[in-house]
Each structure stands twice: as C-alpha cells, then as structure tokens.
C-alpha cells in the first residue's frame, strides 16, 4: 500500500540516503554534496518535504518550495510553487513510481493553494523529461544553471477537476450526475472539451451486465479502485470504450460514457478524442490528459442499456441508460 505524506525529522536519514544513492545514475545532475542533510532538514522543518512509502518503506521524495530562486525567468503564471529534489529509490526506477509520486505532488500543490508548478529538469535526463511530458507539464523555456543545461517545465492549475467526493457515488446515482459535465482531453497543447450527453450505469457483481459480475480479474481490477479513475477497454477488438469508475474502493461499479455533444456512440467518441488503452486507470482527479469539469445539471430520460444480450432478462430490462432530454 502506498502512503504519501509530509516528512518528519525521523525520515531525514532515509531521504538523504535515497538522494545519495541516485548520484551517478543516468541523467542525474546531483553530486555527493547535493542534496545534503542540511538541505533536507530545512525542507522538513519548513513543511516542504514530501515522501512516498510503500508498505512502510521510503521509495520516493520531493520538495515543494516557494517560487523565489527562479523568479527572474519568464514563467507566465500566478502564484506558482517550485518542485525540487524529486527522486525515486534506485531499486524502484522504471516501475511507475515517478508517476504515482507526481500525481500526489500535484494534489498537494493544489491543496496548498498554489496556482501551478514550475521546475527545472536536466536536459540529459530523458526518463524525467518523458514522465513530465506525459503528466501534462509544458516545456516553457530553457536555461543554464547549476553548471548544466536545463529545460523549464511548468503546469498551470487553470482548470477545476471534479473532486473525489463526486465520483464516490454509486454508479446508479453517478450516471445521471455525469450528464452535462465536461469531458476534457488534452493532446499535446490542445484541449478538447465536450459535454456528456449519454451514460449507462453498471452496478457491481450482482449486475449480470457488469464486467465485474464474475468477480475480480486482471481486466476488472480497476473497477475495484476508489471512484474517480478511467476504465478503458477494447470492445470486439475494434472500439475503445471509456468508463468512469464509481463508488467506494472494493465496490466494482462504473459508468459508461455513451455519448457527448456532437458525437453519438461510445466508440466514436473515444476515436474522436484519441482515448485508448494508454488511459486505462488514468486518475481523473489529477490527470492533465483526461479529466472532467463541472457543468450544468440537465434534465434526462431513461431507457434500457444497449448491447447486453448476455445479461439476465431482468438486468436487460433495467432503465439504467441516461440521456439528456432536449
């Protein structure tokens, strides 16, 4: 189990050891003198140092500090923080830990009231550059600093993602709530926003139309996560379908997005928005690639779900399809 939190004094030796062990790895610009115990202790004392643990073991660390040292650069952002000293335990590199850490860091920065994140990334660290590009950071310049060449990366918090509480509703409640909400997809620098117009609810293991009807599998494991992640699957080997996982952790419910304004059909909308398997398990609360924003509450009509001939007659007849009433 992962645990993200502010570090305390007891964590200082472990953080310093994690940082020191990364010196000499490909792309790492740190030295035996930096980061050191004095710097980490100051970060901890100032409430800037965050850590990620797995089963109680420290596996990653990062610091969020006030934006001072780099304020001479043109970042074009209001009230940003600076992200510094980001590191993942050497034995756990290339295992997706960086993404988990960054998701939590973004949420922490938002919770602290910052308007965005700025940071310098070494130009000879391709793994870090790839991660930040994937996370939705923008490359906004470059500079020479600390004896090396760096890219300037930033992320503006200019959109208000729907929060975790919204997604924790059971699928049967969440499906009509999603109508009118804005589905947002970022590809490179372009963001497409479309209102959701049609949904279907799939309500756990007792629902014979639900993928989780036969229990937890490798494919359906994502449905057992807390509501607020994307469940994307390939239908008939042709179409990718987008679902929003609903309810609390351990309750495998989801809502299929069947239509958005201007696009009817779940396969057509994923094709138009470039949504594929790479977005399966995407965190809709934190993601800068796929998320939902608030929209008006709309009237709707209901009907039976489509394409579930394999389900029981009772489940086929349920009015669990929700469509905006025009």
C-alpha atoms as a PDB file:
ATOM      1  CA  UNK A   1       0.000   0.000   0.000  1.00  0.00           C
ATOM      2  CA  UNK A   2       1.271   3.470  -0.921  1.00  0.00           C
ATOM      3  CA  UNK A   3       1.329   6.294   1.619  1.00  0.00           C
ATOM      4  CA  UNK A   4       2.086   9.903   0.675  1.00  0.00           C
ATOM      5  CA  UNK A   5       2.746  12.412   3.448  1.00  0.00           C
ATOM      6  CA  UNK A   6       4.844  15.262   4.745  1.00  0.00           C
ATOM      7  CA  UNK A   7       8.185  14.047   6.078  1.00  0.00           C
ATOM      8  CA  UNK A   8       9.227  14.381   9.705  1.00  0.00           C
ATOM      9  CA  UNK A   9      12.639  14.513  11.380  1.00  0.00           C
ATOM     10  CA  UNK A  10      12.833  10.722  11.621  1.00  0.00           C
ATOM     11  CA  UNK A  11      12.641  10.492   7.836  1.00  0.00           C
ATOM     12  CA  UNK A  12      15.670  12.733   7.173  1.00  0.00           C
ATOM     13  CA  UNK A  13      18.360   9.989   7.125  1.00  0.00           C
ATOM     14  CA  UNK A  14      16.283   7.853   4.743  1.00  0.00           C
ATOM     15  CA  UNK A  15      15.645  10.771   2.385  1.00  0.00           C
ATOM     16  CA  UNK A  16      19.325  11.715   2.292  1.00  0.00           C
ATOM     17  CA  UNK A  17      20.266   8.074   1.643  1.00  0.00           C
ATOM     18  CA  UNK A  18      17.709   7.853  -1.192  1.00  0.00           C
ATOM     19  CA  UNK A  19      19.089  11.012  -2.801  1.00  0.00           C
ATOM     20  CA  UNK A  20      22.724   9.971  -2.348  1.00  0.00           C
ATOM     21  CA  UNK A  21      22.105   6.587  -3.924  1.00  0.00           C
ATOM     22  CA  UNK A  22      20.864   8.279  -7.105  1.00  0.00           C
ATOM     23  CA  UNK A  23      24.118  10.160  -7.688  1.00  0.00           C
ATOM     24  CA  UNK A  24      25.704   8.780 -10.837  1.00  0.00           C
ATOM     25  CA  UNK A  25      22.528   7.306 -12.324  1.00  0.00           C
ATOM     26  CA  UNK A  26      21.788   8.265 -15.966  1.00  0.00           C
ATOM     27  CA  UNK A  27      20.599  11.851 -16.214  1.00  0.00           C
ATOM     28  CA  UNK A  28      21.068  12.686 -12.522  1.00  0.00           C
ATOM     29  CA  UNK A  29      22.765  16.063 -12.012  1.00  0.00           C
ATOM     30  CA  UNK A  30      23.224  15.645  -8.254  1.00  0.00           C
ATOM     31  CA  UNK A  31      26.598  15.301  -6.540  1.00  0.00           C
ATOM     32  CA  UNK A  32      27.986  13.889  -3.312  1.00  0.00           C
ATOM     33  CA  UNK A  33      27.482  17.355  -1.772  1.00  0.00           C
ATOM     34  CA  UNK A  34      23.944  17.953  -3.025  1.00  0.00           C
ATOM     35  CA  UNK A  35      21.296  17.314  -1.795  1.00  0.00           C
ATOM     36  CA  UNK A  36      22.697  17.024   1.725  1.00  0.00           C
ATOM     37  CA  UNK A  37      21.391  16.575   5.254  1.00  0.00           C
ATOM     38  CA  UNK A  38      21.253  20.313   5.915  1.00  0.00           C
ATOM     39  CA  UNK A  39      19.047  20.951   2.868  1.00  0.00           C
ATOM     40  CA  UNK A  40      16.689  18.068   3.627  1.00  0.00           C
ATOM     41  CA  UNK A  41      16.431  19.062   7.284  1.00  0.00           C
ATOM     42  CA  UNK A  42      15.478  22.593   6.242  1.00  0.00           C
ATOM     43  CA  UNK A  43      12.819  21.244   3.868  1.00  0.00           C
ATOM     44  CA  UNK A  44      11.373  19.105   6.654  1.00  0.00           C
ATOM     45  CA  UNK A  45      11.427  21.976   9.165  1.00  0.00           C
ATOM     46  CA  UNK A  46       9.652  24.284   6.702  1.00  0.00           C
ATOM     47  CA  UNK A  47       6.969  21.734   5.821  1.00  0.00           C
ATOM     48  CA  UNK A  48       8.202  21.436   2.245  1.00  0.00           C
ATOM     49  CA  UNK A  49       9.418  17.832   2.140  1.00  0.00           C
ATOM     50  CA  UNK A  50       7.061  15.097   0.951  1.00  0.00           C
ATOM     51  CA  UNK A  51       7.693  11.366   0.886  1.00  0.00           C
ATOM     52  CA  UNK A  52       6.092   8.313  -0.681  1.00  0.00           C
ATOM     53  CA  UNK A  53       6.238   4.988   1.127  1.00  0.00           C
ATOM     54  CA  UNK A  54       5.176   1.519   0.064  1.00  0.00           C
ATOM     55  CA  UNK A  55       4.371  -0.921   2.864  1.00  0.00           C
ATOM     56  CA  UNK A  56       6.215   1.395   5.232  1.00  0.00           C
ATOM     57  CA  UNK A  57       9.394   1.636   3.126  1.00  0.00           C
ATOM     58  CA  UNK A  58      10.520   5.005   1.767  1.00  0.00           C
ATOM     59  CA  UNK A  59      10.576   4.799  -2.038  1.00  0.00           C
ATOM     60  CA  UNK A  60      10.397   8.400  -3.289  1.00  0.00           C
ATOM     61  CA  UNK A  61      10.707  12.001  -2.166  1.00  0.00           C
ATOM     62  CA  UNK A  62      10.171  15.543  -3.436  1.00  0.00           C
ATOM     63  CA  UNK A  63      10.050  19.068  -2.063  1.00  0.00           C
ATOM     64  CA  UNK A  64       7.542  21.816  -2.849  1.00  0.00           C
ATOM     65  CA  UNK A  65       9.017  25.233  -2.097  1.00  0.00           C
ATOM     66  CA  UNK A  66       8.046  28.862  -2.582  1.00  0.00           C
ATOM     67  CA  UNK A  67       8.927  30.196  -6.004  1.00  0.00           C
ATOM     68  CA  UNK A  68      11.859  32.527  -5.365  1.00  0.00           C
ATOM     69  CA  UNK A  69      15.163  31.453  -6.876  1.00  0.00           C
ATOM     70  CA  UNK A  70      13.822  31.162 -10.422  1.00  0.00           C
ATOM     71  CA  UNK A  71      11.520  34.172 -10.398  1.00  0.00           C
ATOM     72  CA  UNK A  72      13.791  36.001 -12.853  1.00  0.00           C
ATOM     73  CA  UNK A  73      12.689  33.599 -15.575  1.00  0.00           C
ATOM     74  CA  UNK A  74       9.510  34.233 -17.543  1.00  0.00           C
ATOM     75  CA  UNK A  75       7.044  31.550 -16.432  1.00  0.00           C
ATOM     76  CA  UNK A  76       3.760  33.419 -17.094  1.00  0.00           C
ATOM     77  CA  UNK A  77       1.966  32.001 -14.060  1.00  0.00           C
ATOM     78  CA  UNK A  78       0.282  33.373 -10.956  1.00  0.00           C
ATOM     79  CA  UNK A  79       1.428  32.134  -7.535  1.00  0.00           C
ATOM     80  CA  UNK A  80       3.389  29.059  -8.607  1.00  0.00           C
ATOM     81  CA  UNK A  81       5.462  26.795  -6.416  1.00  0.00           C
ATOM     82  CA  UNK A  82       8.777  25.251  -7.393  1.00  0.00           C
ATOM     83  CA  UNK A  83       9.189  21.479  -7.405  1.00  0.00           C
ATOM     84  CA  UNK A  84      12.709  20.424  -6.422  1.00  0.00           C
ATOM     85  CA  UNK A  85      14.698  17.374  -5.385  1.00  0.00           C
ATOM     86  CA  UNK A  86      12.420  14.765  -6.959  1.00  0.00           C
ATOM     87  CA  UNK A  87      13.843  11.281  -6.506  1.00  0.00           C
ATOM     88  CA  UNK A  88      12.757   7.651  -6.681  1.00  0.00           C
ATOM     89  CA  UNK A  89      14.585   4.881  -4.865  1.00  0.00           C
ATOM     90  CA  UNK A  90      17.231   3.470  -7.180  1.00  0.00           C
ATOM     91  CA  UNK A  91      15.977  -0.128  -6.961  1.00  0.00           C
ATOM     92  CA  UNK A  92      12.482   1.013  -7.994  1.00  0.00           C
ATOM     93  CA  UNK A  93      13.335   3.122 -11.022  1.00  0.00           C
ATOM     94  CA  UNK A  94      11.290   2.429 -14.182  1.00  0.00           C
ATOM     95  CA  UNK A  95       8.433   0.837 -12.218  1.00  0.00           C
ATOM     96  CA  UNK A  96       5.876   3.646 -12.440  1.00  0.00           C
ATOM     97  CA  UNK A  97       6.724   5.101  -9.012  1.00  0.00           C
ATOM     98  CA  UNK A  98       7.533   8.503 -10.515  1.00  0.00           C
ATOM     99  CA  UNK A  99       4.009   8.810 -11.891  1.00  0.00           C
ATOM    100  CA  UNK A 100       2.454   7.912  -8.538  1.00  0.00           C
ATOM    101  CA  UNK A 101       4.676  10.439  -6.780  1.00  0.00           C
ATOM    102  CA  UNK A 102       3.874  13.199  -9.260  1.00  0.00           C
ATOM    103  CA  UNK A 103       0.127  12.599  -9.017  1.00  0.00           C
ATOM    104  CA  UNK A 104       0.328  13.118  -5.271  1.00  0.00           C
ATOM    105  CA  UNK A 105       2.640  16.120  -5.583  1.00  0.00           C
ATOM    106  CA  UNK A 106       0.220  17.858  -7.948  1.00  0.00           C
ATOM    107  CA  UNK A 107      -2.642  17.322  -5.492  1.00  0.00           C
ATOM    108  CA  UNK A 108      -0.505  18.584  -2.590  1.00  0.00           C
ATOM    109  CA  UNK A 109       0.425  21.740  -4.520  1.00  0.00           C
ATOM    110  CA  UNK A 110      -3.236  22.392  -5.310  1.00  0.00           C
ATOM    111  CA  UNK A 111      -4.208  21.842  -1.684  1.00  0.00           C
ATOM    112  CA  UNK A 112      -1.550  24.377  -0.629  1.00  0.00           C
ATOM    113  CA  UNK A 113      -3.262  26.977  -2.796  1.00  0.00           C
ATOM    114  CA  UNK A 114      -0.589  27.330  -5.472  1.00  0.00           C
ATOM    115  CA  UNK A 115      -1.576  28.349  -8.986  1.00  0.00           C
ATOM    116  CA  UNK A 116       0.764  25.877 -10.621  1.00  0.00           C
ATOM    117  CA  UNK A 117       4.140  24.149 -10.537  1.00  0.00           C
ATOM    118  CA  UNK A 118       7.447  25.254 -12.025  1.00  0.00           C
ATOM    119  CA  UNK A 119      10.697  23.304 -12.110  1.00  0.00           C
ATOM    120  CA  UNK A 120      13.997  22.845 -13.882  1.00  0.00           C
ATOM    121  CA  UNK A 121      14.728  19.470 -15.468  1.00  0.00           C
ATOM    122  CA  UNK A 122      18.156  18.423 -16.674  1.00  0.00           C
ATOM    123  CA  UNK A 123      18.318  18.141 -20.436  1.00  0.00           C
ATOM    124  CA  UNK A 124      20.308  14.906 -20.084  1.00  0.00           C
ATOM    125  CA  UNK A 125      17.570  13.135 -18.057  1.00  0.00           C
ATOM    126  CA  UNK A 126      15.335  11.567 -20.742  1.00  0.00           C
ATOM    127  CA  UNK A 127      13.315   9.463 -18.277  1.00  0.00           C
ATOM    128  CA  UNK A 128      12.290  12.536 -16.270  1.00  0.00           C
ATOM    129  CA  UNK A 129      11.548  14.543 -19.409  1.00  0.00           C
ATOM    130  CA  UNK A 130       9.300  11.755 -20.734  1.00  0.00           C
ATOM    131  CA  UNK A 131       7.449  11.493 -17.410  1.00  0.00           C
ATOM    132  CA  UNK A 132       6.740  15.218 -17.151  1.00  0.00           C
ATOM    133  CA  UNK A 133       5.586  15.370 -20.767  1.00  0.00           C
ATOM    134  CA  UNK A 134       3.192  12.502 -20.098  1.00  0.00           C
ATOM    135  CA  UNK A 135       1.918  14.124 -16.899  1.00  0.00           C
ATOM    136  CA  UNK A 136       0.886  17.229 -18.839  1.00  0.00           C
ATOM    137  CA  UNK A 137       3.714  19.605 -17.946  1.00  0.00           C
ATOM    138  CA  UNK A 138       4.645  22.160 -20.612  1.00  0.00           C
ATOM    139  CA  UNK A 139       8.189  22.961 -21.675  1.00  0.00           C
ATOM    140  CA  UNK A 140       8.308  26.748 -21.434  1.00  0.00           C
ATOM    141  CA  UNK A 141      11.965  27.552 -21.998  1.00  0.00           C
ATOM    142  CA  UNK A 142      15.500  26.561 -21.143  1.00  0.00           C
ATOM    143  CA  UNK A 143      18.354  27.954 -19.102  1.00  0.00           C
ATOM    144  CA  UNK A 144      21.887  27.298 -17.918  1.00  0.00           C
ATOM    145  CA  UNK A 145      22.014  26.813 -14.148  1.00  0.00           C
ATOM    146  CA  UNK A 146      23.995  24.932 -11.521  1.00  0.00           C
ATOM    147  CA  UNK A 147      26.651  24.116 -14.107  1.00  0.00           C
ATOM    148  CA  UNK A 148      24.306  22.420 -16.597  1.00  0.00           C
ATOM    149  CA  UNK A 149      21.616  22.899 -19.231  1.00  0.00           C
ATOM    150  CA  UNK A 150      18.010  22.675 -18.034  1.00  0.00           C
ATOM    151  CA  UNK A 151      14.556  22.803 -19.547  1.00  0.00           C
ATOM    152  CA  UNK A 152      11.966  24.931 -17.757  1.00  0.00           C
ATOM    153  CA  UNK A 153       8.786  22.935 -17.128  1.00  0.00           C
ATOM    154  CA  UNK A 154       5.503  24.242 -15.784  1.00  0.00           C
ATOM    155  CA  UNK A 155       1.923  23.207 -15.131  1.00  0.00           C
ATOM    156  CA  UNK A 156      -0.852  25.751 -14.655  1.00  0.00           C
ATOM    157  CA  UNK A 157      -3.804  24.811 -12.474  1.00  0.00           C
ATOM    158  CA  UNK A 158      -6.206  26.608 -14.774  1.00  0.00           C
ATOM    159  CA  UNK A 159      -8.977  24.026 -14.734  1.00  0.00           C
ATOM    160  CA  UNK A 160     -11.089  22.767 -11.861  1.00  0.00           C
ATOM    161  CA  UNK A 161     -11.269  18.988 -11.943  1.00  0.00           C
ATOM    162  CA  UNK A 162     -14.253  17.324 -10.328  1.00  0.00           C
ATOM    163  CA  UNK A 163     -13.099  16.092  -6.925  1.00  0.00           C
ATOM    164  CA  UNK A 164     -13.012  12.658  -5.330  1.00  0.00           C
ATOM    165  CA  UNK A 165     -16.302  13.087  -3.459  1.00  0.00           C
ATOM    166  CA  UNK A 166     -18.166  13.494  -6.738  1.00  0.00           C
ATOM    167  CA  UNK A 167     -17.024  10.102  -8.035  1.00  0.00           C
ATOM    168  CA  UNK A 168     -17.722   8.184  -4.808  1.00  0.00           C
ATOM    169  CA  UNK A 169     -21.460   8.000  -5.539  1.00  0.00           C
ATOM    170  CA  UNK A 170     -22.849   4.606  -6.608  1.00  0.00           C
ATOM    171  CA  UNK A 171     -22.983   4.175 -10.378  1.00  0.00           C
ATOM    172  CA  UNK A 172     -26.756   4.435 -10.465  1.00  0.00           C
ATOM    173  CA  UNK A 173     -26.501   7.905  -8.890  1.00  0.00           C
ATOM    174  CA  UNK A 174     -23.359   8.975 -10.727  1.00  0.00           C
ATOM    175  CA  UNK A 175     -24.648   8.137 -14.228  1.00  0.00           C
ATOM    176  CA  UNK A 176     -27.303  10.914 -14.353  1.00  0.00           C
ATOM    177  CA  UNK A 177     -24.989  13.273 -12.436  1.00  0.00           C
ATOM    178  CA  UNK A 178     -22.438  12.984 -15.262  1.00  0.00           C
ATOM    179  CA  UNK A 179     -24.879  14.370 -17.837  1.00  0.00           C
ATOM    180  CA  UNK A 180     -23.851  17.920 -18.655  1.00  0.00           C
ATOM    181  CA  UNK A 181     -20.421  17.530 -17.093  1.00  0.00           C
ATOM    182  CA  UNK A 182     -17.494  18.470 -19.343  1.00  0.00           C
ATOM    183  CA  UNK A 183     -15.219  15.698 -20.596  1.00  0.00           C
ATOM    184  CA  UNK A 184     -11.748  17.172 -21.188  1.00  0.00           C
ATOM    185  CA  UNK A 185      -8.981  15.626 -23.265  1.00  0.00           C
ATOM    186  CA  UNK A 186      -5.541  17.158 -23.707  1.00  0.00           C
ATOM    187  CA  UNK A 187      -3.365  16.037 -26.632  1.00  0.00           C
ATOM    188  CA  UNK A 188      -0.057  17.911 -26.721  1.00  0.00           C
ATOM    189  CA  UNK A 189      -1.013  21.565 -26.206  1.00  0.00           C
ATOM    190  CA  UNK A 190      -4.623  21.289 -27.405  1.00  0.00           C
ATOM    191  CA  UNK A 191      -7.531  20.701 -25.012  1.00  0.00           C
ATOM    192  CA  UNK A 192     -10.900  19.478 -26.297  1.00  0.00           C
ATOM    193  CA  UNK A 193     -13.927  19.990 -24.049  1.00  0.00           C
ATOM    194  CA  UNK A 194     -17.293  18.354 -24.747  1.00  0.00           C
ATOM    195  CA  UNK A 195     -20.429  17.960 -22.624  1.00  0.00           C
ATOM    196  CA  UNK A 196     -21.550  14.432 -21.738  1.00  0.00           C
ATOM    197  CA  UNK A 197     -24.992  13.615 -23.125  1.00  0.00           C
ATOM    198  CA  UNK A 198     -25.494   9.878 -22.568  1.00  0.00           C
ATOM    199  CA  UNK A 199     -24.376   7.374 -19.918  1.00  0.00           C
ATOM    200  CA  UNK A 200     -25.061   3.854 -18.675  1.00  0.00           C
ATOM    201  CA  UNK A 201     -24.686   2.524 -15.127  1.00  0.00           C
ATOM    202  CA  UNK A 202     -23.069  -0.835 -14.356  1.00  0.00           C
ATOM    203  CA  UNK A 203     -23.649  -1.795 -10.770  1.00  0.00           C
ATOM    204  CA  UNK A 204     -21.235  -4.378  -9.467  1.00  0.00           C
ATOM    205  CA  UNK A 205     -21.066  -8.131  -9.099  1.00  0.00           C
ATOM    206  CA  UNK A 206     -24.839  -8.554  -8.760  1.00  0.00           C
ATOM    207  CA  UNK A 207     -25.397  -6.900 -12.162  1.00  0.00           C
ATOM    208  CA  UNK A 208     -25.057  -9.591 -14.840  1.00  0.00           C
ATOM    209  CA  UNK A 209     -24.343  -6.916 -17.460  1.00  0.00           C
ATOM    210  CA  UNK A 210     -21.351  -5.631 -15.494  1.00  0.00           C
ATOM    211  CA  UNK A 211     -17.823  -6.815 -16.309  1.00  0.00           C
ATOM    212  CA  UNK A 212     -17.290  -7.422 -12.592  1.00  0.00           C
ATOM    213  CA  UNK A 213     -20.210  -9.868 -12.426  1.00  0.00           C
ATOM    214  CA  UNK A 214     -17.815 -12.820 -12.263  1.00  0.00           C
ATOM    215  CA  UNK A 215     -15.532 -11.155  -9.755  1.00  0.00           C
ATOM    216  CA  UNK A 216     -12.150  -9.501  -9.770  1.00  0.00           C
ATOM    217  CA  UNK A 217      -9.841 -10.301 -12.686  1.00  0.00           C
ATOM    218  CA  UNK A 218      -6.797  -8.640 -14.188  1.00  0.00           C
ATOM    219  CA  UNK A 219      -9.097  -6.768 -16.565  1.00  0.00           C
ATOM    220  CA  UNK A 220     -11.683  -5.692 -13.983  1.00  0.00           C
ATOM    221  CA  UNK A 221      -9.307  -4.913 -11.109  1.00  0.00           C
ATOM    222  CA  UNK A 222      -9.530  -1.214 -11.988  1.00  0.00           C
ATOM    223  CA  UNK A 223     -13.261  -1.281 -11.194  1.00  0.00           C
ATOM    224  CA  UNK A 224     -12.454  -2.157  -7.574  1.00  0.00           C
ATOM    225  CA  UNK A 225     -10.422   1.018  -7.108  1.00  0.00           C
ATOM    226  CA  UNK A 226     -11.975   4.111  -5.484  1.00  0.00           C
ATOM    227  CA  UNK A 227     -14.230   6.059  -7.836  1.00  0.00           C
ATOM    228  CA  UNK A 228     -12.509   8.642  -9.997  1.00  0.00           C
ATOM    229  CA  UNK A 229     -10.329   6.620 -12.355  1.00  0.00           C
ATOM    230  CA  UNK A 230     -10.898   5.752 -16.003  1.00  0.00           C
ATOM    231  CA  UNK A 231     -11.704   2.203 -17.083  1.00  0.00           C
ATOM    232  CA  UNK A 232     -10.932   1.844 -20.790  1.00  0.00           C
ATOM    233  CA  UNK A 233     -11.364  -1.465 -22.599  1.00  0.00           C
ATOM    234  CA  UNK A 234     -11.371  -2.734 -26.168  1.00  0.00           C
ATOM    235  CA  UNK A 235     -14.776  -3.887 -27.431  1.00  0.00           C
ATOM    236  CA  UNK A 236     -14.907  -6.551 -30.164  1.00  0.00           C
ATOM    237  CA  UNK A 237     -11.247  -5.841 -30.826  1.00  0.00           C
ATOM    238  CA  UNK A 238     -12.205  -2.613 -32.588  1.00  0.00           C
ATOM    239  CA  UNK A 239     -13.554   0.159 -30.342  1.00  0.00           C
ATOM    240  CA  UNK A 240     -12.151   1.577 -27.129  1.00  0.00           C
ATOM    241  CA  UNK A 241     -14.889   2.375 -24.604  1.00  0.00           C
ATOM    242  CA  UNK A 242     -14.486   4.881 -21.766  1.00  0.00           C
ATOM    243  CA  UNK A 243     -15.972   4.251 -18.344  1.00  0.00           C
ATOM    244  CA  UNK A 244     -15.779   6.274 -15.142  1.00  0.00           C
ATOM    245  CA  UNK A 245     -15.203   4.090 -12.083  1.00  0.00           C
ATOM    246  CA  UNK A 246     -17.750   4.913  -9.382  1.00  0.00           C
ATOM    247  CA  UNK A 247     -18.427   4.282  -5.692  1.00  0.00           C
ATOM    248  CA  UNK A 248     -16.036   3.391  -2.875  1.00  0.00           C
ATOM    249  CA  UNK A 249     -12.974   1.159  -3.056  1.00  0.00           C
ATOM    250  CA  UNK A 250     -13.938  -2.504  -3.320  1.00  0.00           C
ATOM    251  CA  UNK A 251     -17.321  -1.785  -4.917  1.00  0.00           C
ATOM    252  CA  UNK A 252     -16.839  -2.585  -8.638  1.00  0.00           C
ATOM    253  CA  UNK A 253     -19.177  -0.097 -10.287  1.00  0.00           C
ATOM    254  CA  UNK A 254     -18.668   2.097 -13.328  1.00  0.00           C
ATOM    255  CA  UNK A 255     -20.484   4.403 -15.725  1.00  0.00           C
ATOM    256  CA  UNK A 256     -20.050   4.022 -19.478  1.00  0.00           C
ATOM    257  CA  UNK A 257     -19.820   7.310 -21.379  1.00  0.00           C
ATOM    258  CA  UNK A 258     -22.026   6.558 -24.392  1.00  0.00           C
ATOM    259  CA  UNK A 259     -22.241  10.000 -25.959  1.00  0.00           C
ATOM    260  CA  UNK A 260     -21.048  13.599 -25.878  1.00  0.00           C
ATOM    261  CA  UNK A 261     -22.285  16.696 -27.667  1.00  0.00           C
ATOM    262  CA  UNK A 262     -21.856  16.223 -31.396  1.00  0.00           C
ATOM    263  CA  UNK A 263     -20.812  12.569 -31.116  1.00  0.00           C
ATOM    264  CA  UNK A 264     -23.205   9.644 -30.611  1.00  0.00           C
ATOM    265  CA  UNK A 265     -21.730   6.267 -29.714  1.00  0.00           C
ATOM    266  CA  UNK A 266     -19.040   5.289 -27.194  1.00  0.00           C
ATOM    267  CA  UNK A 267     -16.610   4.014 -29.829  1.00  0.00           C
ATOM    268  CA  UNK A 268     -16.937   7.127 -31.957  1.00  0.00           C
ATOM    269  CA  UNK A 269     -16.274   9.477 -29.053  1.00  0.00           C
ATOM    270  CA  UNK A 270     -13.092   7.697 -27.941  1.00  0.00           C
ATOM    271  CA  UNK A 271     -11.824   7.742 -31.527  1.00  0.00           C
ATOM    272  CA  UNK A 272     -12.582  11.445 -31.875  1.00  0.00           C
ATOM    273  CA  UNK A 273     -10.900  12.286 -28.566  1.00  0.00           C
ATOM    274  CA  UNK A 274      -7.927   9.945 -29.046  1.00  0.00           C
ATOM    275  CA  UNK A 275      -8.746   7.853 -25.971  1.00  0.00           C
ATOM    276  CA  UNK A 276      -7.083   4.443 -25.950  1.00  0.00           C
ATOM    277  CA  UNK A 277      -5.721   1.794 -23.619  1.00  0.00           C
ATOM    278  CA  UNK A 278      -2.910   4.101 -22.510  1.00  0.00           C
ATOM    279  CA  UNK A 279      -5.552   5.983 -20.496  1.00  0.00           C
ATOM    280  CA  UNK A 280      -6.877   2.916 -18.685  1.00  0.00           C
ATOM    281  CA  UNK A 281      -6.561   3.560 -14.927  1.00  0.00           C
ATOM    282  CA  UNK A 282      -5.971   7.283 -15.540  1.00  0.00           C
ATOM    283  CA  UNK A 283      -6.661   9.298 -12.394  1.00  0.00           C
ATOM    284  CA  UNK A 284      -9.459  11.668 -13.438  1.00  0.00           C
ATOM    285  CA  UNK A 285      -8.947  13.797 -10.324  1.00  0.00           C
ATOM    286  CA  UNK A 286      -5.284  14.587 -11.000  1.00  0.00           C
ATOM    287  CA  UNK A 287      -4.687  13.885 -14.683  1.00  0.00           C
ATOM    288  CA  UNK A 288      -3.703  16.612 -17.109  1.00  0.00           C
ATOM    289  CA  UNK A 289      -4.527  14.316 -20.048  1.00  0.00           C
ATOM    290  CA  UNK A 290      -8.114  13.273 -19.257  1.00  0.00           C
ATOM    291  CA  UNK A 291     -10.462  14.773 -16.693  1.00  0.00           C
ATOM    292  CA  UNK A 292     -13.966  16.103 -16.031  1.00  0.00           C
ATOM    293  CA  UNK A 293     -15.054  19.625 -15.183  1.00  0.00           C
ATOM    294  CA  UNK A 294     -18.337  20.844 -13.762  1.00  0.00           C
ATOM    295  CA  UNK A 295     -21.270  21.626 -15.991  1.00  0.00           C
ATOM    296  CA  UNK A 296     -24.995  22.361 -15.711  1.00  0.00           C
ATOM    297  CA  UNK A 297     -27.462  19.892 -14.254  1.00  0.00           C
ATOM    298  CA  UNK A 298     -29.603  18.717 -17.166  1.00  0.00           C
ATOM    299  CA  UNK A 299     -32.996  17.002 -17.437  1.00  0.00           C
ATOM    300  CA  UNK A 300     -32.879  13.458 -18.749  1.00  0.00           C
ATOM    301  CA  UNK A 301     -34.839  10.433 -19.854  1.00  0.00           C
ATOM    302  CA  UNK A 302     -34.002   6.784 -19.218  1.00  0.00           C
ATOM    303  CA  UNK A 303     -34.035   3.571 -21.196  1.00  0.00           C
ATOM    304  CA  UNK A 304     -32.591   0.050 -21.207  1.00  0.00           C
ATOM    305  CA  UNK A 305     -28.867  -0.395 -21.726  1.00  0.00           C
ATOM    306  CA  UNK A 306     -27.546  -1.252 -25.182  1.00  0.00           C
ATOM    307  CA  UNK A 307     -25.676  -4.379 -26.311  1.00  0.00           C
ATOM    308  CA  UNK A 308     -26.086  -6.508 -23.182  1.00  0.00           C
ATOM    309  CA  UNK A 309     -27.827  -9.550 -24.624  1.00  0.00           C
ATOM    310  CA  UNK A 310     -25.600 -11.765 -22.458  1.00  0.00           C
ATOM    311  CA  UNK A 311     -27.196 -10.425 -19.248  1.00  0.00           C
ATOM    312  CA  UNK A 312     -30.252 -11.774 -17.442  1.00  0.00           C
ATOM    313  CA  UNK A 313     -33.659 -10.681 -18.708  1.00  0.00           C
ATOM    314  CA  UNK A 314     -34.199  -8.660 -15.553  1.00  0.00           C
ATOM    315  CA  UNK A 315     -30.924  -6.782 -15.967  1.00  0.00           C
ATOM    316  CA  UNK A 316     -31.545  -6.217 -19.680  1.00  0.00           C
ATOM    317  CA  UNK A 317     -34.849  -4.539 -18.813  1.00  0.00           C
ATOM    318  CA  UNK A 318     -33.476  -2.156 -16.203  1.00  0.00           C
ATOM    319  CA  UNK A 319     -33.758   1.532 -17.114  1.00  0.00           C
ATOM    320  CA  UNK A 320     -30.100   2.260 -16.398  1.00  0.00           C
ATOM    321  CA  UNK A 321     -29.329   4.240 -19.547  1.00  0.00           C
ATOM    322  CA  UNK A 322     -29.500   8.019 -19.092  1.00  0.00           C
ATOM    323  CA  UNK A 323     -29.885  10.523 -21.942  1.00  0.00           C
ATOM    324  CA  UNK A 324     -30.106  14.295 -21.931  1.00  0.00           C
ATOM    325  CA  UNK A 325     -33.662  15.425 -22.637  1.00  0.00           C
ATOM    326  CA  UNK A 326     -33.647  18.129 -25.277  1.00  0.00           C
END
